[in-house]
Protein backbone atom coordinates (compact mmCIF):
# COMPACT_ATOMS: atom_id res chain seq x y z
CA UNK A 1 -62.14 263.85 120.92
CA UNK A 2 -59.96 264.96 124.03
CA UNK A 3 -56.23 265.27 124.03
CA UNK A 4 -53.91 263.90 126.83
CA UNK A 5 -52.81 267.81 127.86
CA UNK A 6 -56.52 268.47 128.33
CA UNK A 7 -57.14 265.12 130.04
CA UNK A 8 -54.53 266.00 132.73
CA UNK A 9 -55.29 269.64 132.75
CA UNK A 10 -58.70 268.69 134.19
CA UNK A 11 -57.68 266.23 137.06
CA UNK A 12 -53.59 266.85 137.40
CA UNK A 13 -53.17 265.58 140.92
CA UNK A 14 -54.76 261.82 139.78
CA UNK A 15 -52.93 262.13 136.58
CA UNK A 16 -49.30 263.23 138.71
CA UNK A 17 -50.38 259.99 141.26
CA UNK A 18 -50.78 257.46 138.22
CA UNK A 19 -47.42 258.61 136.47
CA UNK A 20 -46.03 257.80 140.18
CA UNK A 21 -47.42 254.42 139.82
CA UNK A 22 -46.03 254.30 136.14
CA UNK A 23 -42.54 255.22 137.56
CA UNK A 24 -42.93 252.11 140.15
CA UNK A 25 -43.89 249.86 137.34
CA UNK A 26 -41.08 250.77 135.10
CA UNK A 27 -38.49 249.76 137.71
CA UNK A 28 -40.64 247.18 139.10
CA UNK A 29 -39.73 243.07 139.39
CA UNK A 30 -41.71 242.41 135.88
CA UNK A 31 -39.69 242.21 133.07
CA UNK A 32 -40.27 245.24 130.85
CA UNK A 33 -41.66 242.83 127.24
CA UNK A 34 -44.22 241.05 130.15
CA UNK A 35 -45.73 244.43 131.27
CA UNK A 36 -46.21 245.37 127.66
CA UNK A 37 -47.72 242.24 126.78
CA UNK A 38 -50.16 242.61 129.39
CA UNK A 39 -50.54 246.00 128.85
CA UNK A 40 -51.55 245.40 125.66
CA UNK A 41 -54.03 242.55 126.88
CA UNK A 42 -55.62 244.17 129.17
CA UNK A 43 -56.33 246.94 126.65
CA UNK A 44 -57.73 244.74 124.20
CA UNK A 45 -59.80 243.15 126.55
CA UNK A 46 -61.02 246.43 128.01
CA UNK A 47 -61.44 247.62 124.06
CA UNK A 48 -59.36 250.96 124.83
CA UNK A 49 -58.22 251.74 121.14
CA UNK A 50 -55.76 254.64 122.58
CA UNK A 51 -54.10 252.31 125.05
CA UNK A 52 -53.90 249.07 122.08
CA UNK A 53 -52.36 251.88 120.21
CA UNK A 54 -49.61 253.04 122.66
CA UNK A 55 -48.77 249.70 123.95
CA UNK A 56 -48.53 247.79 120.31
CA UNK A 57 -46.12 251.02 119.67
CA UNK A 58 -44.32 250.64 122.76
CA UNK A 59 -43.65 246.78 122.53
CA UNK A 60 -42.66 247.36 118.99
CA UNK A 61 -40.26 249.82 119.95
CA UNK A 62 -39.00 247.38 122.24
CA UNK A 63 -38.22 245.05 119.61
CA UNK A 64 -41.49 243.00 120.40
CA UNK A 65 -42.24 240.75 116.92
CA UNK A 66 -45.38 241.33 115.30
CA UNK A 67 -46.58 237.71 115.14
CA UNK A 68 -46.47 237.88 118.96
CA UNK A 69 -48.55 241.28 118.84
CA UNK A 70 -50.78 240.03 116.39
CA UNK A 71 -51.81 236.77 117.70
CA UNK A 72 -51.80 238.16 121.73
CA UNK A 73 -55.52 237.87 121.64
CA UNK A 74 -55.22 233.83 120.60
CA UNK A 75 -52.49 233.53 123.66
CA UNK A 76 -53.42 229.98 124.28
CA UNK A 77 -53.24 228.76 120.81
CA UNK A 78 -50.39 229.99 119.84
CA UNK A 79 -46.89 228.61 120.66
CA UNK A 80 -44.97 232.17 120.69
CA UNK A 81 -45.37 232.65 124.34
CA UNK A 82 -43.20 231.36 127.63
CA UNK A 83 -44.91 229.73 130.49
CA UNK A 84 -44.04 232.61 132.20
CA UNK A 85 -45.69 235.08 129.78
CA UNK A 86 -48.74 232.68 129.42
CA UNK A 87 -48.78 232.54 133.39
CA UNK A 88 -48.54 236.50 133.80
CA UNK A 89 -51.73 237.00 130.62
CA UNK A 90 -53.84 234.27 132.52
CA UNK A 91 -53.37 236.33 135.87
CA UNK A 92 -53.99 239.61 134.05
CA UNK A 93 -57.38 238.24 132.56
CA UNK A 94 -58.39 236.93 135.89
CA UNK A 95 -57.68 240.03 137.55
CA UNK A 96 -59.43 241.83 134.77
CA UNK A 97 -62.56 240.03 134.44
CA UNK A 98 -62.57 240.69 138.18
CA UNK A 99 -66.23 238.65 138.60
CA UNK A 100 -63.60 235.79 140.17
CA UNK A 101 -63.22 236.44 143.80
CA UNK A 102 -60.58 235.79 144.46
CA UNK A 103 -58.16 234.27 141.54
CA UNK A 104 -59.58 230.99 141.08
CA UNK A 105 -56.84 228.56 142.87
CA UNK A 106 -55.53 226.86 140.07
CA UNK A 107 -54.58 230.60 138.44
CA UNK A 108 -52.92 231.18 141.69
CA UNK A 109 -51.16 228.43 141.97
CA UNK A 110 -49.41 228.42 138.53
CA UNK A 111 -49.08 232.17 139.19
CA UNK A 112 -46.97 230.99 142.56
CA UNK A 113 -45.06 228.51 140.55
CA UNK A 114 -43.70 231.16 137.56
CA UNK A 115 -44.10 234.41 139.66
CA UNK A 116 -42.26 235.47 143.48
CA UNK A 117 -44.41 237.13 145.80
CA UNK A 118 -42.94 240.26 144.85
CA UNK A 119 -43.20 239.66 141.12
CA UNK A 120 -47.33 238.82 141.64
CA UNK A 121 -47.64 241.65 143.64
CA UNK A 122 -45.73 243.88 141.06
CA UNK A 123 -48.28 242.04 138.14
CA UNK A 124 -50.93 243.02 139.87
CA UNK A 125 -49.84 246.38 139.95
CA UNK A 126 -49.63 246.58 136.34
CA UNK A 127 -52.87 245.09 135.74
CA UNK A 128 -54.40 247.58 138.02
CA UNK A 129 -52.67 250.49 136.50
CA UNK A 130 -53.26 249.56 132.87
CA UNK A 131 -57.25 249.03 134.09
CA UNK A 132 -56.97 252.64 135.49
CA UNK A 133 -55.65 254.06 132.21
CA UNK A 134 -57.86 252.26 129.93
CA UNK A 135 -61.27 253.29 131.66
CA UNK A 136 -59.67 256.70 131.83
CA UNK A 137 -58.98 256.95 128.54
CA UNK A 138 -62.15 255.50 127.32
CA UNK A 139 -64.12 258.03 129.81
CA UNK A 140 -62.73 261.22 127.81
CA UNK A 141 -62.35 259.62 124.31
CA UNK A 142 -59.04 259.90 123.85
CA UNK A 143 -58.63 259.07 120.05
CA UNK A 144 -55.52 256.64 118.49
CA UNK A 145 -52.58 257.09 116.20
CA UNK A 146 -51.16 260.06 117.34
CA UNK A 147 -48.86 258.46 120.24
CA UNK A 148 -45.19 257.86 119.31
CA UNK A 149 -42.89 255.49 121.81
CA UNK A 150 -39.66 256.68 122.94
CA UNK A 151 -37.13 253.72 121.43
CA UNK A 152 -36.65 251.42 124.42
CA UNK A 153 -35.31 248.05 124.68
CA UNK A 154 -37.39 245.52 126.43
CA UNK A 155 -34.85 243.10 127.20
CA UNK A 156 -33.82 244.76 130.23
């Protein structure tokens, strides 16, 4: 199994570039709680065990509830998510399953009702970044379980 140290030593410049994207996303217009829900859900869609483990732990460190996390794959059928969160999850699904070119009109209309142009662009970057991390971590067989988050508040 690969380790984080081994993978970013092999492609240090690419890893640093991705960390630059993450630095931007950490201060972007999408609130931290939604960013973590999106990262976790996209990782579930892509089957990236390492990223599922990481973003579940990060969400819990940010005071996300277990109920909302274990219900995430069935977010449409539960009352636990706000309209803004539901829209972010819908956009994340559509952008992850890229067979739809462009976003379906009804999804784009819903997204524009919930997110400003800047927020929608930032949300697209959140989705693009986690999709990239998923693919790299799957490619190098990152082993889940060892990641430990820094305690953080997601309400910021």
